[in-house]
Amino acid sequence: MKKIPSKLNGYKGHAEIEQKMSQVVWNSHSKDSFDRNWNDFLLNFGLVDNKWLSVYLDHHFWAGMRSTQRSESMHSFFNKFITWNTSLIQFFKQYDNCLGSREQAERESDAADFHTVIPCATKSSIEAQFQDVYTHQKFREVQAQFRGKANCITKLTNSALGYSVYEVGEQIFSSIFNKFVVTYDSVAAEVKCQCLLFESRGILCRHALSVLSFERVSQVSPRYILERWSKKVKR
C-alpha cells in the first residue's frame, strides 16, 4: 500500500484508485472474494495490464515476513555501525563489532527465553501450551490473537460426523462486524479459518481460537506449533 503513490501516480483519479484498492486488499477474506473484487477493481480502473497488481499471496507461507523485510532489517542493523563516509579499514573493524553485537543480543534473548516467563493473557490452556514452547518474541504475537478473541462472536452453522462449520463475527467498530467462516474437524483435530492467517504467517488466528474455545479444546495438535519458533531449537 505504501508503494501506491509511486506505482499508480500516473493514472487519472489515482486517489480514488488508492481508496478502492485499500478496500479490496483489507476487506477480502478469502481467495474467491479477493479474486472477484480484484478483477472488478482492475476492470473498473483500466488496470488489467498492470503487472504490479497481479498477485494474491495469503495462501502461501511467509512466516509473517514481507518481501523486503530481510534486506530492510539488515540495513537498519548495519546503519547503527556504518555510515556513508566510513573508510574501508573502519568498515572491517565495525563489521566485527556488528557481528559481536548481534551474537550478544541473540545470547541475551536465548537466556531470557529460558529463564523468564511472559504471563498468559487469558486462562486458556492452549495459550499456556504456546507459552511453554515458543520464544518470547513469537509468543507475544500469538498472545495478541488470544486477546483479539474477546472481540469475536462464534455461531455454529452446520455440523455432521465431527465436522463443524462456524461463522465468527469479529467486532471492528461499535456496530461493524467482519464475518469469517471457520471449519473444525474433531476427528483430525484440524481447524481452518477463511482469513488464512495460519497458512500465511504460521499463527492460529483469533477466529480459529474462538472456535477451539467454543469446542472446549484444551490442547492444539502439534501441527499448529511450529518448530522454527521453539525456544528449544539450537540456533
Protein backbone atom coordinates (compact mmCIF):
# COMPACT_ATOMS: atom_id res chain seq x y z
CA MET A 1 0.00 0.00 0.00
CA LYS A 2 2.94 2.34 0.67
CA LYS A 3 4.07 1.96 -2.93
CA ILE A 4 0.77 3.08 -4.47
CA PRO A 5 1.78 6.76 -4.94
CA SER A 6 4.94 5.85 -6.88
CA LYS A 7 3.36 2.96 -8.82
CA LEU A 8 -0.01 4.47 -9.74
CA ASN A 9 0.53 8.23 -9.62
CA GLY A 10 0.44 8.45 -13.41
CA TYR A 11 -3.15 7.16 -13.57
CA LYS A 12 -6.08 9.53 -13.71
CA GLY A 13 -8.03 9.50 -10.44
CA HIS A 14 -5.21 7.80 -8.53
CA ALA A 15 -6.69 8.92 -5.18
CA GLU A 16 -9.90 7.03 -5.93
CA ILE A 17 -7.82 4.05 -7.12
CA GLU A 18 -5.93 4.00 -3.82
CA GLN A 19 -9.14 4.16 -1.79
CA LYS A 20 -10.80 1.32 -3.72
CA MET A 21 -7.65 -0.79 -3.71
CA SER A 22 -7.40 -0.44 0.04
CA GLN A 23 -10.97 -1.70 0.44
CA VAL A 24 -10.29 -4.74 -1.75
CA VAL A 25 -7.00 -5.62 -0.02
CA TRP A 26 -8.19 -5.31 3.56
CA ASN A 27 -11.83 -6.39 3.26
CA SER A 28 -11.48 -9.55 1.13
CA HIS A 29 -11.33 -12.52 3.48
CA SER A 30 -10.98 -15.41 1.05
CA LYS A 31 -9.22 -16.10 -2.21
CA ASP A 32 -12.54 -16.29 -4.08
CA SER A 33 -13.80 -12.95 -2.74
CA PHE A 34 -10.42 -11.36 -3.33
CA ASP A 35 -10.28 -12.61 -6.93
CA ARG A 36 -13.81 -11.38 -7.58
CA ASN A 37 -13.26 -7.95 -6.01
CA TRP A 38 -9.80 -7.59 -7.52
CA ASN A 39 -10.92 -8.38 -11.05
CA ASP A 40 -13.76 -5.85 -10.74
CA PHE A 41 -11.27 -3.27 -9.44
CA LEU A 42 -8.84 -3.86 -12.31
CA LEU A 43 -11.59 -3.65 -14.93
CA ASN A 44 -13.22 -0.54 -13.47
CA PHE A 45 -9.95 1.42 -13.43
CA GLY A 46 -8.34 0.00 -16.58
CA LEU A 47 -5.51 -1.68 -14.69
CA VAL A 48 -5.77 -5.18 -16.19
CA ASP A 49 -2.36 -4.90 -17.88
CA ASN A 50 -0.55 -3.56 -14.81
CA LYS A 51 1.83 -6.40 -13.80
CA TRP A 52 2.49 -4.88 -10.37
CA LEU A 53 -1.12 -5.62 -9.40
CA SER A 54 -1.26 -9.30 -10.30
CA VAL A 55 -0.56 -11.47 -7.20
CA TYR A 56 -2.54 -12.87 -4.25
CA LEU A 57 -0.27 -14.44 -1.60
CA ASP A 58 -2.27 -15.24 1.56
CA HIS A 59 -2.37 -18.96 0.83
CA HIS A 60 1.46 -19.19 0.80
CA PHE A 61 3.54 -19.45 3.98
CA TRP A 62 5.78 -16.41 4.55
CA ALA A 63 6.35 -16.73 8.33
CA GLY A 64 4.98 -13.20 8.70
CA MET A 65 7.73 -11.62 6.58
CA ARG A 66 7.31 -9.00 3.87
CA SER A 67 9.18 -9.47 0.59
CA THR A 68 11.68 -6.74 1.55
CA GLN A 69 11.82 -7.33 5.30
CA ARG A 70 15.10 -9.26 5.38
CA SER A 71 17.07 -6.62 3.50
CA GLU A 72 15.41 -3.77 5.41
CA SER A 73 16.25 -5.45 8.72
CA MET A 74 19.91 -5.88 7.79
CA HIS A 75 20.20 -2.31 6.51
CA SER A 76 18.74 -1.00 9.77
CA PHE A 77 21.15 -3.17 11.78
CA PHE A 78 24.32 -2.15 9.91
CA ASN A 79 23.34 1.53 9.89
CA LYS A 80 23.98 1.56 13.65
CA PHE A 81 27.68 0.90 12.99
CA ILE A 82 28.49 2.07 9.47
CA THR A 83 27.83 5.38 7.68
CA TRP A 84 28.33 6.56 4.10
CA ASN A 85 31.74 8.09 4.95
CA THR A 86 33.17 5.03 6.77
CA SER A 87 36.62 4.16 5.42
CA LEU A 88 37.49 0.64 4.25
CA ILE A 89 39.66 -0.04 7.32
CA GLN A 90 36.94 1.27 9.64
CA PHE A 91 34.40 -0.88 7.78
CA PHE A 92 36.26 -4.12 8.60
CA LYS A 93 36.64 -3.16 12.26
CA GLN A 94 32.99 -2.13 12.54
CA TYR A 95 31.86 -5.28 10.73
CA ASP A 96 33.42 -7.37 13.50
CA ASN A 97 31.68 -5.15 16.06
CA CYS A 98 28.40 -5.71 14.18
CA LEU A 99 28.69 -9.48 14.37
CA GLY A 100 29.72 -9.39 18.02
CA SER A 101 26.78 -7.16 18.93
CA ARG A 102 24.33 -9.41 17.06
CA GLU A 103 25.70 -12.56 18.70
CA GLN A 104 25.48 -10.98 22.15
CA ALA A 105 21.88 -9.90 21.55
CA GLU A 106 20.96 -13.42 20.48
CA ARG A 107 22.58 -14.92 23.61
CA GLU A 108 20.66 -12.48 25.82
CA SER A 109 17.42 -13.30 24.00
CA ASP A 110 18.02 -17.05 24.44
CA ALA A 111 18.74 -16.57 28.15
CA ALA A 112 15.52 -14.57 28.58
CA ASP A 113 13.51 -17.29 26.79
CA PHE A 114 14.77 -19.98 29.17
CA HIS A 115 14.92 -18.10 32.47
CA THR A 116 11.94 -15.72 32.37
CA VAL A 117 8.25 -16.22 31.65
CA ILE A 118 5.75 -13.93 29.96
CA PRO A 119 2.43 -14.28 31.86
CA CYS A 120 -0.53 -15.61 29.91
CA ALA A 121 -3.14 -13.02 28.92
CA THR A 122 -6.03 -15.48 29.36
CA LYS A 123 -6.92 -18.64 31.29
CA SER A 124 -6.68 -20.73 28.12
CA SER A 125 -4.66 -23.93 28.40
CA ILE A 126 -3.87 -23.57 24.69
CA GLU A 127 -2.18 -20.23 25.35
CA ALA A 128 -0.16 -21.94 28.11
CA GLN A 129 0.82 -24.58 25.53
CA PHE A 130 2.37 -21.89 23.31
CA GLN A 131 3.88 -20.14 26.34
CA ASP A 132 5.79 -23.31 27.21
CA VAL A 133 7.26 -23.81 23.71
CA TYR A 134 7.67 -20.52 21.86
CA THR A 135 10.31 -17.82 22.18
CA HIS A 136 9.20 -14.63 23.89
CA GLN A 137 9.09 -12.71 20.62
CA LYS A 138 6.82 -15.22 18.88
CA PHE A 139 4.68 -15.84 21.96
CA ARG A 140 3.83 -12.12 22.10
CA GLU A 141 2.47 -12.39 18.54
CA VAL A 142 0.41 -15.44 19.48
CA GLN A 143 -0.82 -13.67 22.60
CA ALA A 144 -2.19 -10.79 20.50
CA GLN A 145 -4.54 -13.30 18.82
CA PHE A 146 -5.75 -14.59 22.19
CA ARG A 147 -6.55 -11.01 23.23
CA GLY A 148 -8.36 -10.42 19.94
CA LYS A 149 -10.59 -13.42 20.64
CA ALA A 150 -12.52 -11.19 23.05
CA ASN A 151 -13.94 -9.30 20.05
CA CYS A 152 -15.25 -12.46 18.37
CA ILE A 153 -18.75 -13.94 18.48
CA THR A 154 -18.94 -17.60 17.41
CA LYS A 155 -22.01 -19.23 15.89
CA LEU A 156 -22.35 -22.86 14.75
CA THR A 157 -23.95 -23.01 11.29
CA ASN A 158 -23.60 -26.68 10.34
CA SER A 159 -22.34 -29.92 11.88
CA ALA A 160 -22.14 -33.56 10.79
CA LEU A 161 -19.95 -36.53 11.73
CA GLY A 162 -17.49 -34.47 13.73
CA TYR A 163 -17.09 -31.80 11.03
CA SER A 164 -18.45 -28.41 12.05
CA VAL A 165 -18.80 -25.11 10.23
CA TYR A 166 -18.85 -21.86 12.20
CA GLU A 167 -19.43 -18.23 11.45
CA VAL A 168 -17.23 -15.97 13.55
CA GLY A 169 -18.17 -12.31 13.71
CA GLU A 170 -15.31 -10.02 14.70
CA GLN A 171 -16.29 -6.60 16.00
CA ILE A 172 -14.26 -3.92 14.24
CA PHE A 173 -16.19 -0.85 15.40
CA SER A 174 -19.21 -0.38 17.66
CA SER A 175 -21.69 -1.68 15.09
CA ILE A 176 -19.42 -3.10 12.37
CA PHE A 177 -18.51 -6.80 12.22
CA ASN A 178 -16.36 -8.74 9.79
CA LYS A 179 -17.54 -12.33 9.31
CA PHE A 180 -15.28 -15.34 8.81
CA VAL A 181 -16.06 -18.98 8.07
CA VAL A 182 -14.13 -21.41 10.28
CA THR A 183 -14.26 -25.20 9.96
CA TYR A 184 -13.33 -27.66 12.68
CA ASP A 185 -12.71 -31.40 12.19
CA SER A 186 -12.80 -33.03 15.63
CA VAL A 187 -11.55 -36.37 14.26
CA ALA A 188 -8.45 -34.93 12.60
CA ALA A 189 -8.15 -32.18 15.26
CA GLU A 190 -7.92 -29.66 12.45
CA VAL A 191 -9.18 -26.09 12.39
CA LYS A 192 -9.16 -23.84 9.31
CA CYS A 193 -10.16 -20.20 9.01
CA GLN A 194 -11.12 -18.21 5.96
CA CYS A 195 -8.62 -15.48 6.86
CA LEU A 196 -5.69 -17.89 6.25
CA LEU A 197 -3.51 -16.36 8.97
CA PHE A 198 -2.02 -19.72 9.89
CA GLU A 199 -1.36 -20.65 6.27
CA SER A 200 0.46 -17.36 5.58
CA ARG A 201 2.05 -16.50 8.94
CA GLY A 202 2.04 -19.74 10.92
CA ILE A 203 -0.06 -18.34 13.77
CA LEU A 204 -3.54 -19.53 14.75
CA CYS A 205 -5.92 -16.60 14.28
CA ARG A 206 -8.36 -15.25 16.87
CA HIS A 207 -11.27 -16.66 14.83
CA ALA A 208 -9.88 -20.21 14.96
CA LEU A 209 -9.05 -19.82 18.65
CA SER A 210 -12.61 -18.68 19.29
CA VAL A 211 -13.93 -21.87 17.66
CA LEU A 212 -11.49 -24.05 19.61
CA SER A 213 -12.71 -22.40 22.80
CA PHE A 214 -16.33 -23.00 21.74
CA GLU A 215 -15.46 -26.67 21.14
CA ARG A 216 -13.74 -26.81 24.55
CA VAL A 217 -10.47 -27.99 23.06
CA SER A 218 -7.75 -27.90 25.73
CA GLN A 219 -4.69 -28.66 23.57
CA VAL A 220 -3.98 -28.00 19.90
CA SER A 221 -2.44 -30.51 17.51
CA PRO A 222 1.38 -30.34 17.20
CA ARG A 223 0.89 -29.24 13.56
CA TYR A 224 -0.02 -25.78 14.89
CA ILE A 225 3.16 -25.41 16.96
CA LEU A 226 6.00 -24.76 14.50
CA GLU A 227 9.47 -25.89 15.49
CA ARG A 228 11.06 -22.87 13.79
CA TRP A 229 9.89 -20.71 16.72
CA SER A 230 10.63 -23.11 19.56
CA LYS A 231 12.98 -21.76 22.22
CA LYS A 232 14.46 -25.26 22.48
CA VAL A 233 15.90 -25.15 18.95
CA LYS A 234 19.65 -24.54 18.95
CA ARG A 235 20.33 -21.72 16.51
